[in-house]
Amino acid sequence: MTTATVTPDQLTIELTPTEHVLALHRDVHIPRAAITAVELLDDGYAAAHGLRAPGYDLPGRRLIGTMWTRGGHEFVAVRAGEPAVRVTLRDQPWTAVLVSDPRAAELAAALRAES
């Protein structure tokens, strides 16, 4: 399961070995200074949109990888029915990251505390 960790300097999204293969991506490290907005969502899978490439989608259940949208692209690691956090970014490879986490409310609060 994807793990999101917040430190004073960065947000780290750690993927399991299987997720690395499915997403075709390594762990994600985002400087806190690059965070412009934090949004708490009830269902991460429902909040994901765009064209997935590369990555993995188990329809209606799991989505992991890069989603290309009109506004840019975002890194997504979500599960259906699980709360998630969308973090909007500047000066990064993605316009946002969207990650499911059972502790999404705590994660969002931690990111908002100093961003």
N, C-alpha and C. Protein backbone atom coordinates (compact mmCIF):
# COMPACT_ATOMS: atom_id res chain seq x y z
N MET A 1 0.84 -1.17 0.00
CA MET A 1 0.00 0.00 0.00
C MET A 1 0.89 1.24 0.00
N THR A 2 0.50 2.24 -0.77
CA THR A 2 1.22 3.50 -0.86
C THR A 2 1.26 4.17 0.50
N THR A 3 2.41 4.74 0.85
CA THR A 3 2.56 5.44 2.13
C THR A 3 3.00 6.88 1.86
N ALA A 4 2.27 7.83 2.44
CA ALA A 4 2.63 9.24 2.32
C ALA A 4 3.18 9.72 3.66
N THR A 5 4.33 10.39 3.61
CA THR A 5 4.99 10.88 4.81
C THR A 5 5.30 12.36 4.63
N VAL A 6 5.01 13.14 5.68
CA VAL A 6 5.29 14.58 5.64
C VAL A 6 6.40 14.89 6.63
N THR A 7 7.42 15.61 6.16
CA THR A 7 8.48 16.12 7.02
C THR A 7 8.47 17.64 6.87
N PRO A 8 9.24 18.35 7.68
CA PRO A 8 9.26 19.81 7.52
C PRO A 8 9.71 20.27 6.13
N ASP A 9 10.48 19.44 5.43
CA ASP A 9 11.02 19.85 4.13
C ASP A 9 10.33 19.26 2.92
N GLN A 10 9.67 18.09 3.08
CA GLN A 10 9.11 17.45 1.89
C GLN A 10 7.95 16.51 2.19
N LEU A 11 7.21 16.22 1.11
CA LEU A 11 6.18 15.18 1.10
C LEU A 11 6.79 14.02 0.32
N THR A 12 6.77 12.82 0.91
CA THR A 12 7.29 11.64 0.25
C THR A 12 6.16 10.64 0.05
N ILE A 13 6.03 10.16 -1.16
CA ILE A 13 5.05 9.13 -1.47
C ILE A 13 5.85 7.88 -1.82
N GLU A 14 5.79 6.90 -0.90
CA GLU A 14 6.54 5.66 -1.07
C GLU A 14 5.63 4.59 -1.64
N LEU A 15 6.10 3.93 -2.69
CA LEU A 15 5.36 2.86 -3.34
C LEU A 15 5.93 1.52 -2.95
N THR A 16 5.10 0.50 -2.93
CA THR A 16 5.58 -0.85 -2.70
C THR A 16 6.30 -1.32 -3.97
N PRO A 17 7.08 -2.38 -3.88
CA PRO A 17 7.75 -2.89 -5.09
C PRO A 17 6.76 -3.20 -6.23
N THR A 18 5.62 -3.77 -5.90
CA THR A 18 4.61 -4.05 -6.93
C THR A 18 4.09 -2.76 -7.55
N GLU A 19 3.85 -1.74 -6.72
CA GLU A 19 3.37 -0.45 -7.22
C GLU A 19 4.41 0.21 -8.12
N HIS A 20 5.68 0.04 -7.80
CA HIS A 20 6.74 0.57 -8.66
C HIS A 20 6.60 0.01 -10.08
N VAL A 21 6.36 -1.29 -10.17
CA VAL A 21 6.21 -1.94 -11.47
C VAL A 21 4.93 -1.48 -12.17
N LEU A 22 3.82 -1.44 -11.44
CA LEU A 22 2.54 -1.06 -12.04
C LEU A 22 2.53 0.40 -12.50
N ALA A 23 3.11 1.28 -11.71
CA ALA A 23 3.10 2.71 -12.03
C ALA A 23 4.20 3.08 -13.01
N LEU A 24 5.18 2.19 -13.16
CA LEU A 24 6.37 2.50 -13.96
C LEU A 24 7.02 3.77 -13.43
N HIS A 25 7.14 3.81 -12.11
CA HIS A 25 7.66 5.01 -11.46
C HIS A 25 8.32 4.66 -10.13
N ARG A 26 9.25 5.52 -9.71
CA ARG A 26 9.89 5.37 -8.40
C ARG A 26 9.10 6.16 -7.36
N ASP A 27 9.58 6.16 -6.12
CA ASP A 27 8.96 6.96 -5.07
C ASP A 27 8.98 8.43 -5.48
N VAL A 28 8.02 9.19 -4.96
CA VAL A 28 7.87 10.60 -5.31
C VAL A 28 8.29 11.45 -4.11
N HIS A 29 9.15 12.43 -4.36
CA HIS A 29 9.61 13.36 -3.32
C HIS A 29 9.28 14.77 -3.78
N ILE A 30 8.50 15.49 -2.97
CA ILE A 30 8.05 16.83 -3.32
C ILE A 30 8.47 17.81 -2.24
N PRO A 31 9.20 18.86 -2.60
CA PRO A 31 9.56 19.87 -1.61
C PRO A 31 8.30 20.59 -1.10
N ARG A 32 8.24 20.86 0.19
CA ARG A 32 7.08 21.55 0.77
C ARG A 32 6.86 22.91 0.13
N ALA A 33 7.94 23.57 -0.29
CA ALA A 33 7.83 24.90 -0.91
C ALA A 33 7.08 24.85 -2.25
N ALA A 34 6.99 23.68 -2.86
CA ALA A 34 6.31 23.55 -4.15
C ALA A 34 4.80 23.35 -4.00
N ILE A 35 4.31 23.15 -2.79
CA ILE A 35 2.89 22.89 -2.55
C ILE A 35 2.12 24.21 -2.52
N THR A 36 1.10 24.30 -3.39
CA THR A 36 0.29 25.52 -3.44
C THR A 36 -1.11 25.33 -2.86
N ALA A 37 -1.62 24.10 -2.85
CA ALA A 37 -2.96 23.83 -2.31
C ALA A 37 -3.07 22.37 -1.90
N VAL A 38 -3.94 22.13 -0.91
CA VAL A 38 -4.19 20.77 -0.42
C VAL A 38 -5.69 20.58 -0.35
N GLU A 39 -6.19 19.50 -0.96
CA GLU A 39 -7.62 19.22 -1.00
C GLU A 39 -7.88 17.82 -0.46
N LEU A 40 -8.80 17.72 0.50
CA LEU A 40 -9.19 16.43 1.07
C LEU A 40 -10.40 15.92 0.30
N LEU A 41 -10.35 14.66 -0.15
CA LEU A 41 -11.41 14.08 -0.98
C LEU A 41 -11.94 12.80 -0.33
N ASP A 42 -13.23 12.53 -0.51
CA ASP A 42 -13.85 11.34 0.08
C ASP A 42 -13.45 10.06 -0.63
N ASP A 43 -13.30 10.12 -1.96
CA ASP A 43 -12.99 8.93 -2.76
C ASP A 43 -11.95 9.30 -3.81
N GLY A 44 -10.74 8.84 -3.61
CA GLY A 44 -9.65 9.17 -4.51
C GLY A 44 -9.86 8.66 -5.92
N TYR A 45 -10.41 7.47 -6.07
CA TYR A 45 -10.62 6.90 -7.40
C TYR A 45 -11.60 7.74 -8.19
N ALA A 46 -12.68 8.16 -7.54
CA ALA A 46 -13.69 8.99 -8.21
C ALA A 46 -13.13 10.36 -8.58
N ALA A 47 -12.14 10.85 -7.84
CA ALA A 47 -11.58 12.18 -8.09
C ALA A 47 -10.54 12.18 -9.21
N ALA A 48 -10.04 11.02 -9.59
CA ALA A 48 -9.03 10.94 -10.65
C ALA A 48 -9.70 11.14 -12.00
N HIS A 49 -9.03 11.88 -12.88
CA HIS A 49 -9.56 12.08 -14.22
C HIS A 49 -8.40 12.27 -15.21
N GLY A 50 -8.71 12.10 -16.47
CA GLY A 50 -7.70 12.25 -17.50
C GLY A 50 -7.38 10.92 -18.17
N LEU A 51 -6.28 10.92 -18.91
CA LEU A 51 -5.82 9.75 -19.63
C LEU A 51 -4.61 9.18 -18.90
N ARG A 52 -4.69 7.91 -18.51
CA ARG A 52 -3.60 7.27 -17.77
C ARG A 52 -2.54 6.78 -18.73
N ALA A 53 -1.33 7.27 -18.54
CA ALA A 53 -0.21 6.80 -19.36
C ALA A 53 1.09 7.33 -18.78
N PRO A 54 1.96 6.53 -18.27
CA PRO A 54 1.85 5.10 -18.05
C PRO A 54 1.20 4.82 -16.70
N GLY A 55 0.93 3.55 -16.45
CA GLY A 55 0.38 3.16 -15.16
C GLY A 55 -0.53 1.97 -15.27
N TYR A 56 -1.36 1.79 -14.23
CA TYR A 56 -2.22 0.62 -14.09
C TYR A 56 -3.58 1.05 -13.60
N ASP A 57 -4.62 0.45 -14.16
CA ASP A 57 -5.98 0.73 -13.72
C ASP A 57 -6.74 -0.59 -13.63
N LEU A 58 -7.19 -0.92 -12.43
CA LEU A 58 -8.12 -2.03 -12.24
C LEU A 58 -9.47 -1.34 -12.13
N PRO A 59 -10.27 -1.33 -13.20
CA PRO A 59 -11.48 -0.49 -13.26
C PRO A 59 -12.36 -0.59 -12.02
N GLY A 60 -12.64 0.59 -11.49
CA GLY A 60 -13.50 0.70 -10.33
C GLY A 60 -12.85 0.37 -9.00
N ARG A 61 -11.56 0.01 -9.00
CA ARG A 61 -10.92 -0.42 -7.76
C ARG A 61 -9.61 0.29 -7.45
N ARG A 62 -8.67 0.36 -8.42
CA ARG A 62 -7.31 0.82 -8.15
C ARG A 62 -6.76 1.55 -9.37
N LEU A 63 -6.08 2.65 -9.13
CA LEU A 63 -5.47 3.44 -10.20
C LEU A 63 -4.13 3.95 -9.70
N ILE A 64 -3.08 3.71 -10.48
CA ILE A 64 -1.76 4.17 -10.09
C ILE A 64 -0.95 4.51 -11.35
N GLY A 65 -0.34 5.68 -11.34
CA GLY A 65 0.47 6.10 -12.48
C GLY A 65 0.33 7.58 -12.75
N THR A 66 0.56 7.96 -14.00
CA THR A 66 0.48 9.35 -14.41
C THR A 66 -0.81 9.57 -15.18
N MET A 67 -1.57 10.58 -14.78
CA MET A 67 -2.81 10.95 -15.48
C MET A 67 -2.57 12.26 -16.21
N TRP A 68 -2.83 12.24 -17.51
CA TRP A 68 -2.69 13.44 -18.34
C TRP A 68 -4.04 14.12 -18.44
N THR A 69 -4.08 15.41 -18.08
CA THR A 69 -5.31 16.19 -18.11
C THR A 69 -5.08 17.45 -18.94
N ARG A 70 -6.13 18.23 -19.15
CA ARG A 70 -6.00 19.48 -19.89
C ARG A 70 -5.08 20.47 -19.17
N GLY A 71 -5.05 20.42 -17.86
CA GLY A 71 -4.24 21.34 -17.08
C GLY A 71 -2.80 20.88 -16.87
N GLY A 72 -2.44 19.74 -17.38
CA GLY A 72 -1.10 19.19 -17.16
C GLY A 72 -1.23 17.71 -16.84
N HIS A 73 -0.34 17.22 -16.00
CA HIS A 73 -0.47 15.83 -15.59
C HIS A 73 -0.19 15.70 -14.09
N GLU A 74 -0.80 14.67 -13.53
CA GLU A 74 -0.63 14.44 -12.09
C GLU A 74 -0.29 12.99 -11.82
N PHE A 75 0.44 12.80 -10.73
CA PHE A 75 0.76 11.45 -10.29
C PHE A 75 -0.38 10.99 -9.40
N VAL A 76 -0.88 9.78 -9.65
CA VAL A 76 -2.05 9.26 -8.94
C VAL A 76 -1.74 7.89 -8.37
N ALA A 77 -2.11 7.69 -7.10
CA ALA A 77 -2.03 6.38 -6.45
C ALA A 77 -3.25 6.28 -5.54
N VAL A 78 -4.37 5.76 -6.08
CA VAL A 78 -5.64 5.78 -5.36
C VAL A 78 -6.34 4.43 -5.38
N ARG A 79 -7.21 4.26 -4.39
CA ARG A 79 -8.07 3.09 -4.28
C ARG A 79 -9.51 3.59 -4.18
N ALA A 80 -10.43 2.87 -4.78
CA ALA A 80 -11.84 3.24 -4.73
C ALA A 80 -12.38 3.17 -3.30
N GLY A 81 -13.18 4.16 -2.93
CA GLY A 81 -13.81 4.18 -1.62
C GLY A 81 -12.91 4.61 -0.49
N GLU A 82 -11.67 4.94 -0.77
CA GLU A 82 -10.72 5.34 0.27
C GLU A 82 -10.49 6.85 0.18
N PRO A 83 -10.45 7.55 1.32
CA PRO A 83 -10.20 9.00 1.27
C PRO A 83 -8.82 9.30 0.67
N ALA A 84 -8.71 10.48 0.09
CA ALA A 84 -7.47 10.84 -0.59
C ALA A 84 -7.17 12.32 -0.41
N VAL A 85 -5.95 12.68 -0.75
CA VAL A 85 -5.51 14.07 -0.70
C VAL A 85 -4.95 14.42 -2.08
N ARG A 86 -5.43 15.55 -2.63
CA ARG A 86 -4.85 16.08 -3.86
C ARG A 86 -3.99 17.28 -3.47
N VAL A 87 -2.73 17.24 -3.86
CA VAL A 87 -1.77 18.29 -3.55
C VAL A 87 -1.41 18.98 -4.86
N THR A 88 -1.76 20.25 -4.97
CA THR A 88 -1.45 21.03 -6.17
C THR A 88 -0.03 21.59 -6.03
N LEU A 89 0.72 21.54 -7.14
CA LEU A 89 2.14 21.87 -7.10
C LEU A 89 2.51 22.96 -8.11
N ARG A 90 3.66 23.57 -7.87
CA ARG A 90 4.25 24.50 -8.85
C ARG A 90 5.72 24.11 -9.03
N ASP A 91 6.22 24.35 -10.24
CA ASP A 91 7.63 24.09 -10.57
C ASP A 91 8.05 22.65 -10.30
N GLN A 92 7.16 21.70 -10.61
CA GLN A 92 7.43 20.28 -10.44
C GLN A 92 7.07 19.54 -11.72
N PRO A 93 7.48 18.29 -11.86
CA PRO A 93 7.13 17.53 -13.07
C PRO A 93 5.61 17.34 -13.24
N TRP A 94 4.84 17.39 -12.14
CA TRP A 94 3.39 17.24 -12.20
C TRP A 94 2.72 18.52 -11.72
N THR A 95 1.49 18.73 -12.16
CA THR A 95 0.71 19.86 -11.65
C THR A 95 0.10 19.51 -10.30
N ALA A 96 -0.03 18.19 -10.03
CA ALA A 96 -0.60 17.74 -8.75
C ALA A 96 -0.25 16.28 -8.51
N VAL A 97 -0.41 15.86 -7.25
CA VAL A 97 -0.37 14.44 -6.91
C VAL A 97 -1.67 14.14 -6.17
N LEU A 98 -2.19 12.94 -6.40
CA LEU A 98 -3.42 12.50 -5.77
C LEU A 98 -3.13 11.14 -5.16
N VAL A 99 -3.26 11.05 -3.83
CA VAL A 99 -2.89 9.80 -3.16
C VAL A 99 -3.94 9.42 -2.12
N SER A 100 -4.36 8.14 -2.16
CA SER A 100 -5.27 7.61 -1.15
C SER A 100 -4.49 7.27 0.11
N ASP A 101 -5.13 7.51 1.24
CA ASP A 101 -4.50 7.19 2.51
C ASP A 101 -5.61 7.08 3.55
N PRO A 102 -5.62 6.00 4.36
CA PRO A 102 -6.64 5.89 5.40
C PRO A 102 -6.59 7.08 6.37
N ARG A 103 -5.40 7.70 6.49
CA ARG A 103 -5.24 8.86 7.37
C ARG A 103 -5.22 10.16 6.57
N ALA A 104 -6.05 10.24 5.53
CA ALA A 104 -6.03 11.40 4.63
C ALA A 104 -6.28 12.72 5.35
N ALA A 105 -7.19 12.73 6.31
CA ALA A 105 -7.47 13.98 7.04
C ALA A 105 -6.23 14.45 7.81
N GLU A 106 -5.53 13.52 8.45
CA GLU A 106 -4.30 13.87 9.17
C GLU A 106 -3.20 14.35 8.20
N LEU A 107 -3.10 13.67 7.07
CA LEU A 107 -2.12 14.05 6.06
C LEU A 107 -2.39 15.46 5.54
N ALA A 108 -3.65 15.75 5.23
CA ALA A 108 -4.02 17.08 4.74
C ALA A 108 -3.72 18.15 5.80
N ALA A 109 -4.05 17.87 7.04
CA ALA A 109 -3.79 18.83 8.12
C ALA A 109 -2.29 19.09 8.27
N ALA A 110 -1.49 18.04 8.18
CA ALA A 110 -0.04 18.20 8.29
C ALA A 110 0.53 19.03 7.14
N LEU A 111 0.00 18.82 5.95
CA LEU A 111 0.47 19.58 4.79
C LEU A 111 0.04 21.05 4.85
N ARG A 112 -1.14 21.28 5.40
CA ARG A 112 -1.65 22.66 5.51
C ARG A 112 -0.97 23.43 6.63
N ALA A 113 -0.43 22.73 7.60
CA ALA A 113 0.15 23.37 8.80
C ALA A 113 1.24 24.36 8.46
N GLU A 114 2.07 24.06 7.49
CA GLU A 114 3.18 24.95 7.18
C GLU A 114 3.28 25.31 5.72
N SER A 115 2.29 24.91 4.90
CA SER A 115 2.40 25.22 3.47
C SER A 115 1.74 26.53 3.14
